[in-house]
Amino acid sequence: MKHHNGRVAVIDDDEDMRSLLKLFFDSKGFVVETFSGAAQACEALSVGGSLGPEKEDGDVDLIISDVCMSGMDGLEFMAQLHILRAEIPVILMTAFGSIETAIEATKRGAFNYIVKPFKLAEFAIHVERAMEYRRLKRDNTALRREVKQTWIMSGIIGKSPRMIEIFDLIKRVAPANANVLITGESGSGKEAVARAIHQNGPRANKPFVDINCTAIPETLLETELFGHAKGSFTGAFQRKKGLFEMAEGGTLFLDEIGDMNIAVQAKLLRIIQDRKLRSVGDTFSRDINVRIIAATHKDLRVAIKEGLFREDLYYRLSVIPIIIPPLRQRKEDIPFLAEHFLSKHAATNHSHVTGFTKRAMAKLMSLRWDGNVRELENVIERAVILATELLIDEKDIPSLEAVTSEQFFSSAISDFPTLEQLESRYIQLILDKTAGRKDKAAQILGINRRTIYRRERDHGLLSDESGDTNRSGQSFVF
């Protein structure tokens, strides 16, 4: 089949306009189909029609349609097309007096509109943008399909050689009962790997219980893990089940085990060796059947040398070691992860965003990602919320020198601020990130625009002269 620049359908009940646009698209190397009415176009675009989706040469790239037509008008056509072929971008043509109708149609899914009479040079720009959108939409759809079919395992996404090795290791490790030690930088996906091991093994129908050893105070960690007997200490009014008991038959995931104190390490070692559990204050032990998967971002060999981690426990835990590579060492995974996070957060935030421009994806690939997959997800979620177009562009992605959340909180609490001072600094950060757009900042902060405006005044971030529009006609900033 002869190569062409794309296939376009033109719908207008004005024969002169159809002829003009056909000449225009012919000169640009497009294949053009013209229709005198929207109903006729819908029939052609349906299954079995001349431009049906099942036809080898029926892949329409763009539709140009008038708004005001006899019979089915532009709004009705958009409603029908949303059912038939929602993926095809539509540029609407409208007379000056029906601009409001065209705007309503864009709200219903039209790509854009142009007001008659128009210059062909102006029209060509609209067409170029719509075609680029169509190409990017195809690329993103293909990427999404590839993610679902090929490069995902129990919620873990990756196509890099190192991730393929980890997928293979998970499959081989999952059926066993041996303890596993997962190491990797913060945010690299250690818990996801632990869950994948659990879900792909014989314990999948049993509990997966997780605990972050850093998040629990040292004084409480022992009773959280092992439980306690009634009356074992002041305030122990009843027997408490520990996480080992809760995980019976399943998996216990000990996250950041490098932060566990030596005393609890000793008791954990005894449980692993004897496969028996004695709760705090109990006089007897009970058999347990729990698989332990531990994780840490620390180098436990260094911690052993410093006397902070037991060497015998290290060898008991690391029967099967798994090392998760940082994201900067597997950049070919970034497009797949980005597409996954976009789909996830566009749905949860009711966003109109459908994909990435090539410039945006190139920028994502260029960043270092010291915060790994977690940082990438945070950036994508923010971009989904703040993006003003259907596709995330490079301007929606923070620059390399942008302050990370870790850097912000490190500097923000360095002088031990009050809660009010910390709130003020955080509000200012979000306002900076959103270029002062209070509606977007309020969405991220989980408050309404009036609240953020009031907080700015309370914290002295605004002068009394600044403002919105109140009922007396004065100016407010929202």
Protein backbone atom coordinates (compact mmCIF):
# COMPACT_ATOMS: atom_id res chain seq x y z
CA MET A 1 0.00 0.00 0.00
CA LYS A 2 1.26 3.47 -0.90
CA HIS A 3 2.73 5.40 2.01
CA HIS A 4 0.78 8.45 3.20
CA ASN A 5 0.92 10.88 6.11
CA GLY A 6 -2.34 9.75 7.66
CA ARG A 7 -6.05 9.24 7.05
CA VAL A 8 -8.49 12.08 7.67
CA ALA A 9 -12.30 12.19 7.64
CA VAL A 10 -13.96 15.55 6.84
CA ILE A 11 -17.62 16.07 7.80
CA ASP A 12 -19.48 19.15 6.59
CA ASP A 13 -22.78 19.74 4.82
CA ASP A 14 -21.15 22.61 2.89
CA GLU A 15 -19.80 21.15 -0.36
CA ASP A 16 -17.41 24.07 -0.92
CA MET A 17 -15.80 23.57 2.51
CA ARG A 18 -15.46 19.82 1.90
CA SER A 19 -13.75 20.49 -1.44
CA LEU A 20 -11.41 23.08 0.10
CA LEU A 21 -10.31 20.78 2.90
CA LYS A 22 -9.90 17.84 0.56
CA LEU A 23 -7.52 19.89 -1.61
CA PHE A 24 -5.64 20.99 1.51
CA PHE A 25 -5.16 17.46 2.86
CA ASP A 26 -4.36 16.03 -0.57
CA SER A 27 -1.56 18.58 -0.92
CA LYS A 28 -0.16 17.50 2.46
CA GLY A 29 -0.05 13.81 1.53
CA PHE A 30 -3.09 12.63 3.51
CA VAL A 31 -5.76 10.18 2.44
CA VAL A 32 -9.07 12.06 2.74
CA GLU A 33 -12.63 10.73 3.14
CA THR A 34 -15.42 13.32 2.96
CA PHE A 35 -18.97 13.08 4.34
CA SER A 36 -21.91 15.45 3.91
CA GLY A 37 -23.45 14.45 7.24
CA ALA A 38 -22.43 13.14 10.67
CA ALA A 39 -24.79 10.14 10.51
CA GLN A 40 -23.09 9.00 7.28
CA ALA A 41 -19.67 9.33 8.97
CA CYS A 42 -20.80 7.35 12.02
CA GLU A 43 -21.94 4.53 9.75
CA ALA A 44 -18.57 4.48 7.97
CA LEU A 45 -16.63 4.50 11.28
CA SER A 46 -18.69 1.64 12.78
CA VAL A 47 -17.74 -2.03 12.68
CA GLY A 48 -18.42 -3.21 9.12
CA GLY A 49 -18.28 0.33 7.72
CA SER A 50 -15.80 1.53 5.11
CA LEU A 51 -13.61 3.03 7.88
CA GLY A 52 -14.41 0.42 10.53
CA PRO A 53 -11.76 -0.40 13.15
CA GLU A 54 -11.37 -3.93 11.79
CA LYS A 55 -10.37 -2.73 8.31
CA GLU A 56 -6.65 -2.90 7.54
CA ASP A 57 -6.75 0.55 5.92
CA GLY A 58 -9.51 1.96 8.16
CA ASP A 59 -7.34 3.46 10.91
CA VAL A 60 -8.52 7.08 10.92
CA ASP A 61 -6.00 9.51 12.41
CA LEU A 62 -8.12 12.66 12.56
CA ILE A 63 -11.69 13.88 12.06
CA ILE A 64 -12.58 17.41 10.98
CA SER A 65 -16.24 18.18 11.62
CA ASP A 66 -18.53 21.18 11.42
CA VAL A 67 -20.58 21.95 14.55
CA CYS A 68 -23.79 23.20 12.96
CA MET A 69 -25.11 20.66 10.45
CA SER A 70 -28.53 19.53 9.40
CA GLY A 71 -29.57 16.28 10.99
CA MET A 72 -26.98 15.17 13.53
CA ASP A 73 -25.01 18.18 14.80
CA GLY A 74 -21.48 18.34 16.20
CA LEU A 75 -22.48 17.66 19.84
CA GLU A 76 -24.52 14.59 18.89
CA PHE A 77 -21.68 13.40 16.68
CA MET A 78 -19.18 13.70 19.57
CA ALA A 79 -21.48 11.63 21.78
CA GLN A 80 -21.72 8.90 19.13
CA LEU A 81 -18.00 8.95 18.37
CA HIS A 82 -17.20 8.54 22.07
CA ILE A 83 -18.98 5.18 21.85
CA LEU A 84 -17.62 4.17 18.44
CA ARG A 85 -14.03 5.43 18.26
CA ALA A 86 -13.11 7.54 21.29
CA GLU A 87 -9.41 7.30 20.43
CA ILE A 88 -9.71 9.49 17.28
CA PRO A 89 -9.06 13.23 17.86
CA VAL A 90 -11.66 15.65 16.47
CA ILE A 91 -11.18 19.26 15.39
CA LEU A 92 -14.47 21.12 15.24
CA MET A 93 -15.20 23.99 12.86
CA THR A 94 -17.63 26.60 14.12
CA ALA A 95 -18.99 29.98 13.19
CA PHE A 96 -18.38 32.81 15.64
CA GLY A 97 -21.93 32.69 16.96
CA SER A 98 -21.67 29.03 18.06
CA ILE A 99 -18.34 29.13 19.92
CA GLU A 100 -20.09 28.16 23.17
CA THR A 101 -21.32 24.98 21.49
CA ALA A 102 -17.79 24.18 20.32
CA ILE A 103 -16.42 24.73 23.83
CA GLU A 104 -19.07 22.36 25.19
CA ALA A 105 -18.00 19.79 22.59
CA THR A 106 -14.36 20.06 23.69
CA LYS A 107 -15.53 19.33 27.23
CA ARG A 108 -17.12 16.20 25.84
CA GLY A 109 -13.88 15.05 24.25
CA ALA A 110 -13.17 17.08 21.12
CA PHE A 111 -9.45 17.78 20.68
CA ASN A 112 -9.91 21.43 19.68
CA TYR A 113 -12.03 23.83 17.64
CA ILE A 114 -11.36 26.53 15.07
CA VAL A 115 -13.57 29.50 14.21
CA LYS A 116 -14.71 30.10 10.62
CA PRO A 117 -13.49 31.76 8.52
CA PHE A 118 -9.93 30.61 9.19
CA LYS A 119 -6.58 30.78 7.46
CA LEU A 120 -5.20 27.48 6.21
CA ALA A 121 -1.86 28.21 7.90
CA GLU A 122 -3.65 28.46 11.24
CA PHE A 123 -5.66 25.34 10.43
CA ALA A 124 -2.43 23.45 9.58
CA ILE A 125 -1.08 24.12 13.09
CA HIS A 126 -4.22 22.59 14.65
CA VAL A 127 -3.89 19.55 12.38
CA GLU A 128 -0.20 19.08 13.22
CA ARG A 129 -0.92 19.17 16.96
CA ALA A 130 -3.80 16.73 16.64
CA MET A 131 -1.71 14.31 14.56
CA GLU A 132 1.13 14.48 17.10
CA TYR A 133 -1.38 13.76 19.85
CA ARG A 134 -2.69 10.76 17.87
CA ARG A 135 0.82 9.39 17.39
CA LEU A 136 1.70 9.82 21.06
CA LYS A 137 -1.60 8.26 22.12
CA ARG A 138 -0.77 5.22 19.97
CA ASP A 139 2.72 5.03 21.49
CA ASN A 140 1.33 5.24 25.04
CA THR A 141 -1.36 2.66 24.28
CA ALA A 142 1.26 0.28 22.89
CA LEU A 143 3.46 0.88 25.92
CA ARG A 144 0.55 0.22 28.29
CA ARG A 145 -0.26 -3.01 26.45
CA GLU A 146 3.37 -4.11 26.61
CA VAL A 147 3.52 -3.40 30.34
CA LYS A 148 0.42 -5.51 30.98
CA GLN A 149 1.44 -8.41 28.78
CA THR A 150 5.19 -8.72 29.17
CA TRP A 151 7.02 -6.80 31.83
CA ILE A 152 4.97 -7.13 35.01
CA MET A 153 5.10 -9.72 37.78
CA SER A 154 2.95 -9.47 40.89
CA GLY A 155 2.96 -5.70 40.72
CA ILE A 156 6.69 -5.37 39.91
CA ILE A 157 7.44 -3.73 36.56
CA GLY A 158 10.67 -3.96 34.62
CA LYS A 159 12.24 -5.13 31.36
CA SER A 160 15.90 -4.46 32.14
CA PRO A 161 18.21 -7.50 32.29
CA ARG A 162 18.69 -7.06 36.05
CA MET A 163 14.95 -7.02 36.69
CA ILE A 164 14.42 -10.04 34.47
CA GLU A 165 17.03 -11.81 36.64
CA ILE A 166 15.08 -10.81 39.77
CA PHE A 167 11.82 -12.09 38.23
CA ASP A 168 13.54 -15.41 37.57
CA LEU A 169 14.95 -15.50 41.10
CA ILE A 170 11.51 -14.80 42.60
CA LYS A 171 10.03 -17.73 40.66
CA ARG A 172 12.76 -20.06 41.93
CA VAL A 173 12.71 -18.79 45.52
CA ALA A 174 8.94 -18.56 46.03
CA PRO A 175 8.22 -22.34 46.43
CA ALA A 176 10.92 -22.75 49.12
CA ASN A 177 10.76 -22.02 52.87
CA ALA A 178 14.24 -20.54 53.20
CA ASN A 179 14.65 -17.07 54.67
CA VAL A 180 15.33 -14.24 52.24
CA LEU A 181 17.28 -11.00 52.73
CA ILE A 182 16.45 -8.22 50.28
CA THR A 183 18.84 -5.29 50.05
CA GLY A 184 18.52 -2.09 48.07
CA GLU A 185 18.27 1.66 48.36
CA SER A 186 15.21 3.33 49.88
CA GLY A 187 12.31 3.39 47.44
CA SER A 188 13.73 0.67 45.17
CA GLY A 189 10.84 -1.76 45.71
CA LYS A 190 12.00 -4.17 48.41
CA GLU A 191 8.53 -4.69 49.86
CA ALA A 192 7.11 -5.33 46.38
CA VAL A 193 9.66 -8.11 45.87
CA ALA A 194 8.82 -9.59 49.28
CA ARG A 195 5.11 -9.64 48.42
CA ALA A 196 5.85 -11.21 45.03
CA ILE A 197 7.76 -14.04 46.72
CA HIS A 198 4.84 -14.61 49.08
CA GLN A 199 2.17 -14.44 46.35
CA ASN A 200 3.97 -16.85 44.03
CA GLY A 201 4.61 -19.52 46.67
CA PRO A 202 2.59 -22.13 48.61
CA ARG A 203 1.91 -19.61 51.42
CA ALA A 204 -0.01 -17.23 49.12
CA ASN A 205 -3.36 -17.96 50.83
CA LYS A 206 -1.90 -17.38 54.28
CA PRO A 207 -1.15 -14.02 55.93
CA PHE A 208 1.54 -11.64 54.73
CA VAL A 209 2.40 -9.55 57.80
CA ASP A 210 4.82 -6.66 57.54
CA ILE A 211 6.51 -4.41 60.07
CA ASN A 212 8.94 -1.53 59.66
CA CYS A 213 11.52 -1.97 62.39
CA THR A 214 12.37 1.75 62.23
CA ALA A 215 8.78 2.89 62.75
CA ILE A 216 8.28 1.03 66.06
CA PRO A 217 9.99 2.36 69.22
CA GLU A 218 12.61 -0.03 70.59
CA THR A 219 10.63 -0.46 73.83
CA LEU A 220 7.60 -1.72 71.89
CA LEU A 221 9.25 -3.71 69.09
CA GLU A 222 9.70 -6.87 71.18
CA THR A 223 6.03 -7.12 72.21
CA GLU A 224 4.92 -6.18 68.67
CA LEU A 225 6.89 -9.07 67.22
CA PHE A 226 6.53 -11.73 69.89
CA GLY A 227 3.41 -10.69 71.83
CA HIS A 228 3.06 -10.71 75.61
CA ALA A 229 1.25 -12.64 78.33
CA LYS A 230 -1.45 -11.13 80.50
CA GLY A 231 0.10 -9.40 83.51
CA SER A 232 3.64 -9.64 82.16
CA PHE A 233 4.16 -5.93 82.85
CA THR A 234 2.21 -2.92 84.11
CA GLY A 235 -0.63 -2.23 81.69
CA ALA A 236 -0.67 -5.75 80.20
CA PHE A 237 -4.34 -6.35 81.05
CA GLN A 238 -4.78 -9.09 78.50
CA ARG A 239 -2.74 -11.40 76.34
CA LYS A 240 -1.46 -9.80 73.11
CA LYS A 241 -0.74 -11.73 69.95
CA GLY A 242 2.53 -10.81 68.30
CA LEU A 243 3.16 -10.51 64.58
CA PHE A 244 4.81 -13.95 64.49
CA GLU A 245 1.53 -15.51 65.63
CA MET A 246 -0.48 -13.37 63.21
CA ALA A 247 1.72 -14.58 60.35
CA GLU A 248 1.31 -18.28 61.24
CA GLY A 249 1.50 -20.37 58.08
CA GLY A 250 2.40 -17.33 56.04
CA THR A 251 5.19 -14.77 55.70
CA LEU A 252 6.59 -12.18 58.11
CA PHE A 253 8.29 -9.28 56.35
CA LEU A 254 10.80 -7.44 58.56
CA ASP A 255 11.49 -4.16 56.76
CA GLU A 256 14.60 -2.15 57.69
CA ILE A 257 15.88 -4.91 59.91
CA GLY A 258 19.23 -3.12 60.07
CA ASP A 259 17.62 -0.79 62.63
CA MET A 260 16.58 -3.59 65.02
CA ASN A 261 18.31 -3.37 68.41
CA ILE A 262 20.73 -6.07 69.53
CA ALA A 263 18.48 -7.46 72.30
CA VAL A 264 15.59 -8.11 69.90
CA GLN A 265 18.06 -9.51 67.35
CA ALA A 266 19.10 -12.14 69.92
CA LYS A 267 15.51 -13.26 70.52
CA LEU A 268 14.79 -13.31 66.78
CA LEU A 269 17.84 -15.52 66.25
CA ARG A 270 16.57 -18.03 68.84
CA ILE A 271 13.16 -18.19 67.16
CA ILE A 272 14.73 -18.81 63.75
CA GLN A 273 16.99 -21.54 65.17
CA ASP A 274 14.38 -23.34 67.30
CA ARG A 275 11.24 -22.55 65.25
CA LYS A 276 9.55 -21.90 68.59
CA LEU A 277 8.05 -18.70 69.98
CA ARG A 278 7.92 -17.55 73.60
CA SER A 279 5.93 -14.38 74.17
CA VAL A 280 7.11 -11.79 76.68
CA GLY A 281 6.15 -12.99 80.18
CA ASP A 282 5.17 -16.50 79.03
CA THR A 283 6.61 -19.62 80.71
CA PHE A 284 6.17 -21.90 77.70
CA SER A 285 7.02 -21.91 73.98
CA ARG A 286 4.85 -22.78 71.02
CA ASP A 287 5.81 -24.11 67.59
CA ILE A 288 5.62 -21.63 64.73
CA ASN A 289 5.51 -22.01 60.97
CA VAL A 290 6.49 -18.66 59.51
CA ARG A 291 8.72 -17.75 56.59
CA ILE A 292 10.87 -14.70 57.27
CA ILE A 293 11.74 -12.19 54.58
CA ALA A 294 13.89 -9.31 55.78
CA ALA A 295 14.92 -6.13 54.00
CA THR A 296 17.32 -3.26 54.58
CA HIS A 297 18.88 -0.32 52.78
CA LYS A 298 21.96 -0.59 55.02
CA ASP A 299 25.14 -2.57 54.43
CA LEU A 300 24.78 -5.17 57.18
CA ARG A 301 28.41 -6.27 56.81
CA VAL A 302 29.47 -2.77 57.88
CA ALA A 303 26.93 -2.88 60.72
CA ILE A 304 28.43 -6.21 61.86
CA LYS A 305 31.91 -4.70 62.01
CA GLU A 306 30.55 -1.79 64.02
CA GLY A 307 28.86 -4.14 66.48
CA LEU A 308 25.37 -3.03 65.50
CA PHE A 309 24.21 -6.27 63.90
CA ARG A 310 24.74 -9.90 64.86
CA GLU A 311 26.79 -11.84 62.36
CA ASP A 312 25.04 -15.14 63.18
CA LEU A 313 21.63 -13.55 62.56
CA TYR A 314 22.86 -12.11 59.27
CA TYR A 315 23.75 -15.57 57.97
CA ARG A 316 20.45 -17.01 59.20
CA LEU A 317 18.50 -14.34 57.34
CA SER A 318 20.51 -14.19 54.12
CA VAL A 319 20.08 -17.80 53.05
CA ILE A 320 18.86 -16.35 49.78
CA PRO A 321 20.09 -12.79 49.19
CA ILE A 322 18.33 -10.57 46.63
CA ILE A 323 19.85 -7.23 45.63
CA ILE A 324 17.48 -4.70 44.06
CA PRO A 325 19.31 -2.36 41.66
CA PRO A 326 18.64 1.40 41.95
CA LEU A 327 16.50 2.94 39.23
CA ARG A 328 19.45 4.87 37.76
CA GLN A 329 21.02 1.51 36.87
CA ARG A 330 17.93 0.28 34.99
CA LYS A 331 16.69 3.32 33.12
CA GLU A 332 15.06 1.23 30.41
CA ASP A 333 12.38 0.43 33.03
CA ILE A 334 11.41 4.10 33.47
CA PRO A 335 8.92 4.34 30.52
CA PHE A 336 7.03 1.27 31.75
CA LEU A 337 6.97 2.44 35.36
CA ALA A 338 5.93 5.94 34.32
CA GLU A 339 3.05 4.64 32.22
CA HIS A 340 1.91 2.39 35.09
CA PHE A 341 1.95 5.25 37.60
CA LEU A 342 0.18 7.58 35.17
CA SER A 343 -2.69 5.11 34.72
CA LYS A 344 -2.90 4.55 38.47
CA HIS A 345 -2.93 8.20 39.54
CA ALA A 346 -5.01 9.50 36.63
CA ALA A 347 -7.76 7.14 37.78
CA THR A 348 -7.52 8.00 41.49
CA ASN A 349 -7.34 11.77 40.83
CA HIS A 350 -10.03 11.79 38.09
CA SER A 351 -7.46 13.34 35.75
CA HIS A 352 -7.84 13.89 32.00
CA VAL A 353 -4.14 13.11 31.38
CA THR A 354 -3.58 10.21 28.97
CA GLY A 355 0.17 9.99 28.34
CA PHE A 356 3.56 11.66 27.95
CA THR A 357 5.12 13.74 25.20
CA LYS A 358 8.46 12.54 23.87
CA ARG A 359 10.15 15.51 25.55
CA ALA A 360 8.63 14.57 28.92
CA MET A 361 9.75 10.95 28.62
CA ALA A 362 13.25 12.05 27.60
CA LYS A 363 13.41 14.22 30.71
CA LEU A 364 12.25 11.37 32.93
CA MET A 365 14.99 9.20 31.44
CA SER A 366 17.62 11.89 32.09
CA LEU A 367 16.96 12.33 35.82
CA ARG A 368 19.07 10.56 38.43
CA TRP A 369 16.22 9.33 40.67
CA ASP A 370 18.08 9.06 43.96
CA GLY A 371 14.71 8.29 45.56
CA ASN A 372 14.23 5.42 43.08
CA VAL A 373 10.80 4.07 42.13
CA ARG A 374 9.09 5.85 45.03
CA GLU A 375 10.44 9.22 43.87
CA LEU A 376 9.40 8.51 40.28
CA GLU A 377 5.87 7.69 41.42
CA ASN A 378 5.67 10.91 43.45
CA VAL A 379 6.80 12.98 40.44
CA ILE A 380 4.29 11.28 38.12
CA GLU A 381 1.45 11.76 40.60
CA ARG A 382 2.28 15.47 40.93
CA ALA A 383 2.50 15.83 37.14
CA VAL A 384 -0.87 14.11 36.68
CA ILE A 385 -2.47 16.57 39.10
CA LEU A 386 -0.80 19.70 37.75
CA ALA A 387 -0.74 19.04 34.01
CA THR A 388 -3.05 21.32 32.03
CA GLU A 389 -2.94 19.35 28.77
CA LEU A 390 -3.92 15.81 27.79
CA LEU A 391 -0.25 14.81 27.65
CA ILE A 392 2.35 15.44 30.36
CA ASP A 393 5.09 17.66 28.92
CA GLU A 394 8.63 18.35 30.13
CA LYS A 395 7.48 21.55 31.86
CA ASP A 396 5.33 19.35 34.14
CA ILE A 397 8.41 17.41 35.30
CA PRO A 398 10.56 19.16 37.96
CA SER A 399 14.11 20.08 36.93
CA LEU A 400 17.20 18.17 38.01
CA GLU A 401 18.10 20.87 40.52
CA ALA A 402 14.59 20.91 42.06
CA VAL A 403 14.47 20.34 45.79
CA THR A 404 13.47 16.78 46.69
CA SER A 405 11.11 16.07 49.56
CA GLU A 406 14.00 14.51 51.51
CA GLN A 407 16.16 17.61 51.01
CA PHE A 408 13.29 19.90 51.94
CA PHE A 409 12.46 18.19 55.22
CA SER A 410 16.15 17.85 56.09
CA SER A 411 16.65 21.60 55.78
CA ALA A 412 13.19 22.58 57.06
CA ILE A 413 13.69 20.91 60.47
CA SER A 414 17.39 21.70 60.90
CA ASP A 415 16.61 24.60 63.28
CA PHE A 416 13.88 22.69 65.20
CA PRO A 417 10.94 24.84 64.04
CA THR A 418 7.53 24.93 65.68
CA LEU A 419 4.71 23.06 63.95
CA GLU A 420 3.36 26.41 62.75
CA GLN A 421 6.73 27.34 61.22
CA LEU A 422 7.06 23.91 59.56
CA GLU A 423 3.54 24.22 58.12
CA SER A 424 4.40 27.65 56.74
CA ARG A 425 7.53 26.35 55.04
CA TYR A 426 5.70 23.39 53.54
CA ILE A 427 2.88 25.54 52.19
CA GLN A 428 5.46 27.83 50.60
CA LEU A 429 7.22 24.83 49.01
CA ILE A 430 3.99 23.55 47.46
CA LEU A 431 3.11 27.04 46.20
CA ASP A 432 6.57 27.27 44.61
CA LYS A 433 6.12 23.84 43.00
CA THR A 434 2.74 24.86 41.57
CA ALA A 435 3.93 28.27 40.36
CA GLY A 436 1.61 29.97 42.83
CA ARG A 437 -1.54 28.21 41.58
CA LYS A 438 -3.60 27.97 44.72
CA ASP A 439 -6.18 25.56 43.31
CA LYS A 440 -3.45 23.02 42.50
CA ALA A 441 -1.59 23.66 45.77
CA ALA A 442 -4.79 23.21 47.76
CA GLN A 443 -5.45 19.91 45.94
CA ILE A 444 -2.01 18.57 46.90
CA LEU A 445 -2.33 19.81 50.50
CA GLY A 446 -5.83 18.37 50.85
CA ILE A 447 -7.46 21.68 51.78
CA ASN A 448 -9.67 24.15 49.93
CA ARG A 449 -8.45 27.35 48.30
CA ARG A 450 -9.92 29.62 50.97
CA THR A 451 -8.10 27.66 53.66
CA ILE A 452 -4.76 27.96 51.89
CA TYR A 453 -5.36 31.68 51.44
CA ARG A 454 -6.15 32.04 55.17
CA ARG A 455 -3.06 30.03 56.13
CA GLU A 456 -0.92 32.29 53.96
CA ARG A 457 -2.24 35.33 55.80
CA ASP A 458 -1.83 33.66 59.21
CA HIS A 459 1.78 32.72 58.43
CA GLY A 460 2.61 36.10 56.91
CA LEU A 461 3.12 34.71 53.41
CA LEU A 462 0.81 37.40 52.00
CA SER A 463 0.55 41.09 52.62
CA ASP A 464 -2.79 42.52 53.71
CA GLU A 465 -3.04 44.26 50.36
CA SER A 466 -3.05 40.96 48.46
CA GLY A 467 -6.37 39.44 47.69
CA ASP A 468 -9.13 37.69 45.87
CA THR A 469 -12.42 39.03 44.79
CA ASN A 470 -14.80 39.52 47.68
CA ARG A 471 -18.40 40.58 47.54
CA SER A 472 -17.53 44.26 47.43
CA GLY A 473 -15.55 43.76 44.23
CA GLN A 474 -12.07 43.83 45.79
CA SER A 475 -9.42 41.58 44.37
CA PHE A 476 -8.44 38.20 45.99
CA VAL A 477 -5.82 35.72 44.78
CA PHE A 478 -6.96 32.09 44.67
